[in-house]
Amino acid sequence: MDKKRIAVIFLIVLTNAMAATAILPMLPIYVEGQFQATPVQAMLVIAAYYASQFVAAPILGKLSDRLGRRPILIVSQIGTIVAYLLFLFAAPLGDAIGVTLGMSGGLVIVYLARLMDGLTDGNVSVAEAYASDISDEKSRARALGLIGGAGGLGHIVGPGLAFALSGISLTAPMVGAVVMGVVTLLLTIFLLDESHTPEKRTVQHTATADLSVLRLLASRPVALILGAGFIVSLYIATLYSSFSLYASRVLFPDASAEVVAQNVNLLIMVFGVAGAVSQIFLIAPLVKRFGEQRLVVLGGLLLMGSAIGISTGSLPVVLVAMLAFSLGFGVSFPSLQAIMTRFGSNDTTGKRLGLLKSAFSLAFIVAPLMAGFLLENFGAQTIFYNGALLMGVATVLGILIMHITVPGTAQVKDEAPEGGLLRHLHH
């Protein structure tokens, strides 16, 4: 493992994650206040990014295999910086173009910015490929674990930075994100050389058996795991995308948008710390004691309890509920990932985990729109009533998973599967 280049990649992923999480909590309340967006329109700002990322991520991965990692990293970071700048200047740009589509021109520019950001955001997956390129078989897991750790750390430090900046204005975290984007771009240009050289690109790899997605889904255990993963992801995505709007209406109804953003960032930072602690220190002993299948059920129950607690609107209860959310989040999805790896050969592990990751990404498209619809038509608290219902269904699926026979013996790794889940939550 090339420690110098791994350190640079670590810094790139860290600053990218910090920038992404610094702006996430303020996006819905910012567009609602600045551009008079409806709740559904405000939630669409979140969904637009994930929809375009869902389409573009596999293409960027293939391009990095064909053209090299470095140019894709550079292009993706330039796209992110341009998207942040478009967001910052959305109001004057919107007035200049004079678009009227049932919304302000500024909001149209915001959607274009989010779509561009998603289409060019291949930072983490390409960074992982880069880390894999410069590592040998013995050090690869450690290298990928460091990249995942950088994403997780960014999701703790980023909200802390936003907590400080949002006291200035709602756009201050966006300015900070632009600065961090420029830093990561400069690191890539001046400190990274190409890891996937033309010589490596010409090497012909032995073809592995191609197993279609339909054949994978025909497996009852795989379908159960995928269903549970999607529903858990729906609730996780619901909380992340809508919590600021919920807080502005229920937890802090008389506070300014800046104060709401500060408080939400503080809560998310505490959640990030608790989630990291649960993944690093708790999941291994819990797996050893209860097994991954029982942890899926335990995680579902904790997440269901968190939704009920948050729906009360009582701040002390919400704080306890967020801790329950952190622990449920920390044990449920990694356990599903670990179980998924055991249903098939090593040749198809990547495809099976890719399906679970796709379910996670798809949830971040569906959940914001669902949350916006519920908020607009039935009130903010119904978002979390619905979350409790979702997690009740996920718990039932977890009980069904608990009664299937899982091949092999549970293995506890030093890192959570896929380097931890926090890194999936960019933007």
Protein backbone atom coordinates (compact mmCIF):
# COMPACT_ATOMS: atom_id res chain seq x y z
CA MET A 1 0.00 0.00 0.00
CA ASP A 2 1.37 3.40 -1.04
CA LYS A 3 0.93 5.36 2.20
CA LYS A 4 1.55 8.78 0.66
CA ARG A 5 -1.09 8.39 -2.04
CA ILE A 6 -3.53 6.75 0.38
CA ALA A 7 -3.12 9.77 2.67
CA VAL A 8 -3.99 12.11 -0.22
CA ILE A 9 -7.05 10.02 -1.16
CA PHE A 10 -8.07 9.98 2.52
CA LEU A 11 -7.94 13.81 2.59
CA ILE A 12 -9.88 14.07 -0.67
CA VAL A 13 -12.71 11.84 0.58
CA LEU A 14 -12.67 13.52 4.00
CA THR A 15 -13.03 17.06 2.65
CA ASN A 16 -15.59 15.96 0.06
CA ALA A 17 -17.72 14.34 2.77
CA MET A 18 -17.35 17.39 4.99
CA ALA A 19 -18.53 19.67 2.18
CA ALA A 20 -21.47 17.43 1.32
CA THR A 21 -22.76 17.09 4.88
CA ALA A 22 -22.18 20.79 5.60
CA ILE A 23 -24.88 21.72 3.09
CA LEU A 24 -27.35 18.82 3.39
CA PRO A 25 -29.37 19.98 6.43
CA MET A 26 -29.84 23.53 5.14
CA LEU A 27 -30.94 22.68 1.59
CA PRO A 28 -34.71 22.17 2.15
CA ILE A 29 -35.23 25.06 4.56
CA TYR A 30 -33.07 27.34 2.38
CA VAL A 31 -35.03 26.75 -0.83
CA GLU A 32 -38.32 26.91 1.08
CA GLY A 33 -37.47 30.33 2.49
CA GLN A 34 -35.48 31.78 -0.43
CA PHE A 35 -37.55 30.52 -3.37
CA GLN A 36 -40.96 29.91 -1.73
CA ALA A 37 -40.72 26.20 -2.55
CA THR A 38 -43.49 23.88 -1.42
CA PRO A 39 -42.44 20.95 0.80
CA VAL A 40 -42.52 18.60 -2.21
CA GLN A 41 -40.40 21.02 -4.26
CA ALA A 42 -37.97 21.40 -1.34
CA MET A 43 -37.62 17.63 -1.03
CA LEU A 44 -37.07 17.34 -4.77
CA VAL A 45 -33.79 19.22 -4.24
CA ILE A 46 -32.54 16.15 -2.34
CA ALA A 47 -34.07 13.58 -4.69
CA ALA A 48 -32.68 15.24 -7.86
CA TYR A 49 -29.10 14.64 -6.77
CA TYR A 50 -29.64 10.97 -5.96
CA ALA A 51 -31.61 10.33 -9.14
CA SER A 52 -28.82 11.67 -11.34
CA GLN A 53 -26.17 9.93 -9.25
CA PHE A 54 -28.09 6.64 -9.57
CA VAL A 55 -27.86 6.92 -13.35
CA ALA A 56 -24.33 8.29 -13.60
CA ALA A 57 -22.36 6.34 -10.97
CA PRO A 58 -22.00 3.08 -12.97
CA ILE A 59 -21.03 5.06 -16.08
CA LEU A 60 -18.35 7.00 -14.20
CA GLY A 61 -16.99 3.74 -12.81
CA LYS A 62 -16.70 2.26 -16.29
CA LEU A 63 -15.08 5.45 -17.61
CA SER A 64 -12.50 5.32 -14.83
CA ASP A 65 -11.66 1.75 -15.90
CA ARG A 66 -11.25 2.92 -19.49
CA LEU A 67 -9.72 6.41 -19.13
CA GLY A 68 -8.04 6.21 -15.74
CA ARG A 69 -8.97 7.26 -12.20
CA ARG A 70 -7.30 10.68 -12.09
CA PRO A 71 -9.21 12.39 -14.95
CA ILE A 72 -12.56 11.17 -13.60
CA LEU A 73 -11.66 12.41 -10.11
CA ILE A 74 -10.75 15.81 -11.54
CA VAL A 75 -13.87 16.11 -13.71
CA SER A 76 -16.17 14.99 -10.88
CA GLN A 77 -14.71 17.55 -8.49
CA ILE A 78 -14.95 20.35 -11.05
CA GLY A 79 -18.60 19.40 -11.58
CA THR A 80 -19.24 19.57 -7.83
CA ILE A 81 -17.60 23.00 -7.52
CA VAL A 82 -19.59 24.39 -10.48
CA ALA A 83 -22.78 22.94 -8.96
CA TYR A 84 -22.07 24.63 -5.61
CA LEU A 85 -21.44 27.95 -7.38
CA LEU A 86 -24.68 27.62 -9.35
CA PHE A 87 -26.48 27.02 -6.07
CA LEU A 88 -24.90 30.09 -4.48
CA PHE A 89 -25.90 32.35 -7.39
CA ALA A 90 -29.23 30.65 -8.14
CA ALA A 91 -31.34 33.73 -7.31
CA PRO A 92 -29.68 36.23 -9.70
CA LEU A 93 -29.24 33.59 -12.40
CA GLY A 94 -32.90 32.63 -12.09
CA ASP A 95 -33.97 36.27 -12.40
CA ALA A 96 -31.74 36.64 -15.48
CA ILE A 97 -33.23 33.69 -17.38
CA GLY A 98 -36.79 34.48 -16.29
CA VAL A 99 -37.99 30.86 -16.29
CA THR A 100 -41.59 30.30 -15.14
CA LEU A 101 -42.54 26.66 -14.69
CA GLY A 102 -44.81 26.97 -11.70
CA MET A 103 -41.76 27.89 -9.62
CA SER A 104 -39.18 30.66 -9.40
CA GLY A 105 -36.30 30.77 -11.87
CA GLY A 106 -33.89 30.48 -8.95
CA LEU A 107 -35.40 27.15 -7.94
CA VAL A 108 -34.95 25.88 -11.50
CA ILE A 109 -31.25 26.78 -11.25
CA VAL A 110 -31.04 24.94 -7.92
CA TYR A 111 -32.44 21.79 -9.56
CA LEU A 112 -29.94 22.11 -12.42
CA ALA A 113 -27.13 22.47 -9.88
CA ARG A 114 -28.21 19.36 -7.99
CA LEU A 115 -28.56 17.34 -11.20
CA MET A 116 -25.08 18.41 -12.31
CA ASP A 117 -23.64 17.53 -8.92
CA GLY A 118 -25.15 14.05 -9.06
CA LEU A 119 -24.10 13.42 -12.66
CA THR A 120 -20.46 14.26 -11.94
CA ASP A 121 -20.18 12.88 -8.40
CA GLY A 122 -17.95 9.84 -8.76
CA ASN A 123 -15.54 10.88 -6.04
CA VAL A 124 -15.98 8.12 -3.50
CA SER A 125 -16.36 5.13 -5.83
CA VAL A 126 -13.43 6.25 -8.00
CA ALA A 127 -11.36 6.99 -4.87
CA GLU A 128 -12.05 3.43 -3.71
CA ALA A 129 -10.93 2.11 -7.09
CA TYR A 130 -7.76 4.23 -6.82
CA ALA A 131 -7.06 2.84 -3.33
CA SER A 132 -7.58 -0.68 -4.64
CA ASP A 133 -5.16 -0.01 -7.54
CA ILE A 134 -2.31 1.05 -5.26
CA SER A 135 -2.78 -1.73 -2.69
CA ASP A 136 -1.82 -5.37 -2.72
CA GLU A 137 -4.05 -8.25 -1.63
CA LYS A 138 -2.89 -8.07 1.99
CA SER A 139 -3.38 -4.33 2.42
CA ARG A 140 -6.45 -3.76 0.23
CA ALA A 141 -9.07 -4.26 2.97
CA ARG A 142 -7.18 -1.85 5.23
CA ALA A 143 -6.89 0.73 2.44
CA LEU A 144 -10.61 0.55 1.66
CA GLY A 145 -11.38 0.71 5.37
CA LEU A 146 -9.40 3.95 5.61
CA ILE A 147 -11.37 5.43 2.70
CA GLY A 148 -14.64 4.44 4.37
CA GLY A 149 -13.34 5.88 7.63
CA ALA A 150 -12.59 9.19 5.91
CA GLY A 151 -16.19 9.37 4.71
CA GLY A 152 -17.50 8.57 8.18
CA LEU A 153 -15.25 11.18 9.82
CA GLY A 154 -16.38 13.76 7.26
CA HIS A 155 -19.98 13.09 8.22
CA ILE A 156 -19.11 14.02 11.81
CA VAL A 157 -16.86 17.02 11.16
CA GLY A 158 -19.02 18.41 8.31
CA PRO A 159 -22.14 19.07 10.43
CA GLY A 160 -19.87 20.57 13.11
CA LEU A 161 -18.46 22.98 10.55
CA ALA A 162 -21.97 23.77 9.29
CA PHE A 163 -23.08 24.36 12.89
CA ALA A 164 -20.47 27.13 13.13
CA LEU A 165 -21.06 28.59 9.66
CA SER A 166 -24.86 28.53 9.59
CA GLY A 167 -24.87 31.03 12.45
CA ILE A 168 -23.52 33.53 9.90
CA SER A 169 -26.04 32.76 7.16
CA LEU A 170 -27.67 29.80 5.44
CA THR A 171 -25.35 30.24 2.46
CA ALA A 172 -22.15 30.28 4.53
CA PRO A 173 -21.91 26.45 4.61
CA MET A 174 -22.19 26.52 0.81
CA VAL A 175 -19.25 28.94 0.59
CA GLY A 176 -17.31 26.58 2.87
CA ALA A 177 -18.23 23.68 0.60
CA VAL A 178 -16.86 25.56 -2.43
CA VAL A 179 -13.57 26.23 -0.61
CA MET A 180 -13.24 22.57 0.39
CA GLY A 181 -14.06 21.49 -3.17
CA VAL A 182 -11.25 23.68 -4.51
CA VAL A 183 -8.85 22.20 -1.93
CA THR A 184 -9.65 18.62 -2.97
CA LEU A 185 -9.30 19.54 -6.64
CA LEU A 186 -5.85 21.02 -6.05
CA LEU A 187 -4.80 17.94 -4.05
CA THR A 188 -5.85 15.73 -6.94
CA ILE A 189 -4.12 17.81 -9.62
CA PHE A 190 -0.80 18.34 -7.85
CA LEU A 191 -0.35 15.32 -5.59
CA LEU A 192 -1.94 12.36 -7.38
CA ASP A 193 -0.60 10.56 -10.41
CA GLU A 194 -2.55 7.97 -12.38
CA SER A 195 -3.01 4.61 -10.64
CA HIS A 196 -4.80 2.83 -13.48
CA THR A 197 -2.16 3.22 -16.17
CA PRO A 198 -2.69 2.39 -19.88
CA GLU A 199 -0.67 -0.79 -19.37
CA LYS A 200 -3.05 -1.95 -16.65
CA ARG A 201 -6.08 -1.06 -18.76
CA THR A 202 -4.97 -3.38 -21.53
CA VAL A 203 -4.67 -6.39 -19.25
CA GLN A 204 -7.34 -8.93 -20.07
CA HIS A 205 -9.02 -10.24 -16.96
CA THR A 206 -10.49 -13.69 -16.82
CA ALA A 207 -14.23 -13.46 -17.35
CA THR A 208 -16.36 -14.59 -14.49
CA ALA A 209 -19.76 -16.16 -14.81
CA ASP A 210 -22.40 -13.54 -15.45
CA LEU A 211 -25.33 -13.92 -13.12
CA SER A 212 -28.34 -11.84 -14.10
CA VAL A 213 -30.14 -9.62 -11.62
CA LEU A 214 -33.37 -11.55 -12.22
CA ARG A 215 -31.70 -14.81 -11.22
CA LEU A 216 -30.39 -13.18 -8.06
CA LEU A 217 -33.84 -11.84 -7.20
CA ALA A 218 -35.35 -15.27 -7.75
CA SER A 219 -33.55 -16.36 -4.58
CA ARG A 220 -35.98 -15.96 -1.67
CA PRO A 221 -33.25 -15.04 0.88
CA VAL A 222 -31.74 -12.45 -1.46
CA ALA A 223 -35.18 -10.94 -2.16
CA LEU A 224 -35.94 -10.79 1.59
CA ILE A 225 -32.60 -9.11 2.37
CA LEU A 226 -33.03 -6.66 -0.50
CA GLY A 227 -36.59 -5.82 0.60
CA ALA A 228 -35.55 -5.25 4.19
CA GLY A 229 -32.58 -3.17 3.05
CA PHE A 230 -34.75 -0.97 0.86
CA ILE A 231 -37.32 -0.30 3.60
CA VAL A 232 -34.63 0.45 6.22
CA SER A 233 -33.02 2.79 3.68
CA LEU A 234 -36.36 4.52 3.08
CA TYR A 235 -36.56 5.48 6.74
CA ILE A 236 -32.89 6.52 6.91
CA ALA A 237 -33.37 8.66 3.79
CA THR A 238 -36.61 10.10 5.19
CA LEU A 239 -34.90 11.33 8.34
CA TYR A 240 -31.86 12.77 6.59
CA SER A 241 -33.84 14.58 3.90
CA SER A 242 -36.76 15.93 5.93
CA PHE A 243 -35.46 16.46 9.46
CA SER A 244 -34.70 20.17 8.95
CA LEU A 245 -38.25 20.87 7.69
CA TYR A 246 -39.69 18.81 10.56
CA ALA A 247 -37.52 20.69 13.06
CA SER A 248 -38.54 24.09 11.69
CA ARG A 249 -42.23 23.24 12.17
CA VAL A 250 -42.28 21.06 15.28
CA LEU A 251 -39.08 21.26 17.36
CA PHE A 252 -38.14 24.92 16.84
CA PRO A 253 -41.26 26.59 15.37
CA ASP A 254 -40.39 30.10 16.57
CA ALA A 255 -36.70 30.04 15.62
CA SER A 256 -35.12 31.65 12.57
CA ALA A 257 -33.97 29.48 9.68
CA GLU A 258 -30.32 30.02 10.70
CA VAL A 259 -30.98 28.83 14.27
CA VAL A 260 -32.94 25.82 12.99
CA ALA A 261 -30.03 24.92 10.68
CA GLN A 262 -27.55 25.24 13.56
CA ASN A 263 -29.63 23.03 15.85
CA VAL A 264 -30.20 20.42 13.14
CA ASN A 265 -26.48 20.33 12.32
CA LEU A 266 -25.68 19.84 15.99
CA LEU A 267 -28.14 16.96 16.26
CA ILE A 268 -26.78 15.34 13.10
CA MET A 269 -23.22 15.68 14.39
CA VAL A 270 -24.20 13.93 17.64
CA PHE A 271 -25.94 11.26 15.57
CA GLY A 272 -22.79 10.82 13.47
CA VAL A 273 -20.63 10.35 16.55
CA ALA A 274 -23.06 7.85 18.06
CA GLY A 275 -23.34 5.97 14.75
CA ALA A 276 -19.56 5.77 14.39
CA VAL A 277 -19.18 4.53 17.96
CA SER A 278 -21.80 1.84 17.41
CA GLN A 279 -20.16 0.65 14.18
CA ILE A 280 -16.61 0.68 15.57
CA PHE A 281 -17.13 -0.62 19.10
CA LEU A 282 -20.53 -2.31 19.34
CA ILE A 283 -21.28 -4.24 16.18
CA ALA A 284 -18.50 -6.84 16.60
CA PRO A 285 -19.46 -7.90 20.17
CA LEU A 286 -23.17 -7.72 19.28
CA VAL A 287 -22.65 -9.99 16.25
CA LYS A 288 -20.67 -12.39 18.42
CA ARG A 289 -23.41 -12.50 21.05
CA PHE A 290 -26.61 -12.37 18.97
CA GLY A 291 -25.66 -13.08 15.35
CA GLU A 292 -26.33 -10.89 12.33
CA GLN A 293 -29.88 -12.16 11.72
CA ARG A 294 -31.07 -11.17 15.21
CA LEU A 295 -29.33 -7.80 14.83
CA VAL A 296 -31.49 -7.06 11.79
CA VAL A 297 -34.57 -7.48 14.01
CA LEU A 298 -33.00 -5.51 16.87
CA GLY A 299 -32.04 -2.72 14.49
CA GLY A 300 -35.57 -2.63 13.06
CA LEU A 301 -37.09 -2.34 16.55
CA LEU A 302 -34.68 0.44 17.53
CA LEU A 303 -35.42 2.36 14.33
CA MET A 304 -39.16 1.90 14.81
CA GLY A 305 -38.83 3.21 18.38
CA SER A 306 -36.83 6.17 17.12
CA ALA A 307 -39.57 7.09 14.62
CA ILE A 308 -42.21 6.97 17.36
CA GLY A 309 -40.00 9.06 19.65
CA ILE A 310 -39.25 11.71 17.01
CA SER A 311 -42.94 11.96 16.10
CA THR A 312 -43.78 13.13 19.66
CA GLY A 313 -42.18 16.52 18.98
CA SER A 314 -40.72 16.62 22.51
CA LEU A 315 -37.07 17.67 22.28
CA PRO A 316 -35.80 15.48 25.20
CA VAL A 317 -37.63 12.47 23.73
CA VAL A 318 -36.26 13.28 20.26
CA LEU A 319 -32.69 13.32 21.63
CA VAL A 320 -33.15 9.82 23.08
CA ALA A 321 -34.84 8.71 19.86
CA MET A 322 -31.87 9.95 17.80
CA LEU A 323 -29.55 7.79 19.89
CA ALA A 324 -31.83 4.81 19.23
CA PHE A 325 -31.72 5.73 15.54
CA SER A 326 -27.90 5.80 15.63
CA LEU A 327 -27.66 2.35 17.18
CA GLY A 328 -30.35 0.88 14.92
CA PHE A 329 -28.67 2.41 11.88
CA GLY A 330 -25.27 1.12 13.05
CA VAL A 331 -26.31 -2.52 13.42
CA SER A 332 -29.08 -3.18 10.89
CA PHE A 333 -27.70 -2.33 7.47
CA PRO A 334 -24.15 -3.67 8.02
CA SER A 335 -25.73 -6.92 9.22
CA LEU A 336 -27.85 -7.10 6.07
CA GLN A 337 -24.72 -6.52 3.98
CA ALA A 338 -22.86 -9.30 5.80
CA ILE A 339 -25.76 -11.76 5.36
CA MET A 340 -26.05 -10.87 1.68
CA THR A 341 -22.40 -11.83 1.06
CA ARG A 342 -23.11 -15.43 2.07
CA PHE A 343 -25.74 -16.26 -0.54
CA GLY A 344 -23.62 -17.09 -3.57
CA SER A 345 -20.06 -17.48 -4.78
CA ASN A 346 -17.27 -14.95 -4.39
CA ASP A 347 -17.61 -14.16 -8.10
CA THR A 348 -21.06 -12.64 -7.51
CA THR A 349 -20.47 -10.95 -4.14
CA GLY A 350 -19.90 -7.58 -5.76
CA LYS A 351 -23.12 -7.83 -7.76
CA ARG A 352 -25.15 -8.81 -4.70
CA LEU A 353 -23.74 -5.98 -2.60
CA GLY A 354 -24.23 -3.69 -5.58
CA LEU A 355 -27.94 -4.55 -5.54
CA LEU A 356 -28.14 -3.60 -1.88
CA LYS A 357 -26.29 -0.36 -2.55
CA SER A 358 -28.66 0.39 -5.43
CA ALA A 359 -31.61 -0.14 -3.08
CA PHE A 360 -30.02 2.35 -0.70
CA SER A 361 -29.59 4.92 -3.50
CA LEU A 362 -33.12 4.34 -4.81
CA ALA A 363 -34.49 5.01 -1.33
CA PHE A 364 -32.91 8.47 -1.40
CA ILE A 365 -34.89 9.21 -4.55
CA VAL A 366 -38.25 7.93 -3.25
CA ALA A 367 -38.11 8.98 0.41
CA PRO A 368 -37.71 12.76 0.00
CA LEU A 369 -40.69 12.92 -2.37
CA MET A 370 -42.75 10.72 -0.05
CA ALA A 371 -41.81 12.86 2.98
CA GLY A 372 -42.60 16.08 1.09
CA PHE A 373 -46.03 14.76 0.08
CA LEU A 374 -46.86 13.72 3.65
CA LEU A 375 -45.68 17.03 5.09
CA GLU A 376 -47.56 19.12 2.54
CA ASN A 377 -50.85 17.23 2.86
CA PHE A 378 -50.97 15.76 6.36
CA GLY A 379 -48.46 17.60 8.56
CA ALA A 380 -44.85 17.18 9.61
CA GLN A 381 -45.40 14.52 12.29
CA THR A 382 -46.99 12.11 9.80
CA ILE A 383 -43.52 11.73 8.24
CA PHE A 384 -42.40 9.81 11.30
CA TYR A 385 -45.70 7.99 11.82
CA ASN A 386 -45.02 6.63 8.36
CA GLY A 387 -41.42 5.90 9.39
CA ALA A 388 -42.66 3.81 12.31
CA LEU A 389 -44.93 1.87 9.94
CA LEU A 390 -42.05 1.29 7.52
CA MET A 391 -39.81 -0.01 10.29
CA GLY A 392 -42.58 -2.29 11.52
CA VAL A 393 -42.60 -3.88 8.05
CA ALA A 394 -38.78 -4.06 8.06
CA THR A 395 -38.88 -5.79 11.47
CA VAL A 396 -41.31 -8.40 10.14
CA LEU A 397 -38.97 -9.02 7.19
CA GLY A 398 -36.11 -9.26 9.71
CA ILE A 399 -38.00 -11.98 11.58
CA LEU A 400 -38.42 -13.87 8.30
CA ILE A 401 -34.69 -13.46 7.62
CA MET A 402 -33.97 -14.77 11.11
CA HIS A 403 -35.64 -18.05 10.13
CA ILE A 404 -33.67 -18.68 6.93
CA THR A 405 -30.55 -20.81 6.92
CA VAL A 406 -27.48 -18.68 6.20
CA PRO A 407 -24.51 -20.52 4.66
CA GLY A 408 -21.21 -20.30 6.52
CA THR A 409 -20.29 -18.98 9.93
CA ALA A 410 -20.55 -15.31 10.87
CA GLN A 411 -17.21 -13.58 10.49
CA VAL A 412 -16.55 -10.33 12.30
CA LYS A 413 -14.23 -7.96 10.42
CA ASP A 414 -12.22 -5.06 11.76
CA GLU A 415 -14.24 -2.70 9.60
CA ALA A 416 -17.97 -2.57 9.05
CA PRO A 417 -19.01 -3.92 5.64
CA GLU A 418 -18.24 -1.50 2.81
CA GLY A 419 -16.23 0.72 5.17
CA GLY A 420 -19.29 1.86 7.12
CA LEU A 421 -22.58 3.29 5.96
CA LEU A 422 -21.98 6.94 6.67
CA ARG A 423 -20.01 7.34 3.47
CA HIS A 424 -23.17 6.61 1.40
CA LEU A 425 -24.89 9.73 2.64
CA HIS A 426 -23.16 12.35 0.53
CA HIS A 427 -25.20 15.47 -0.29
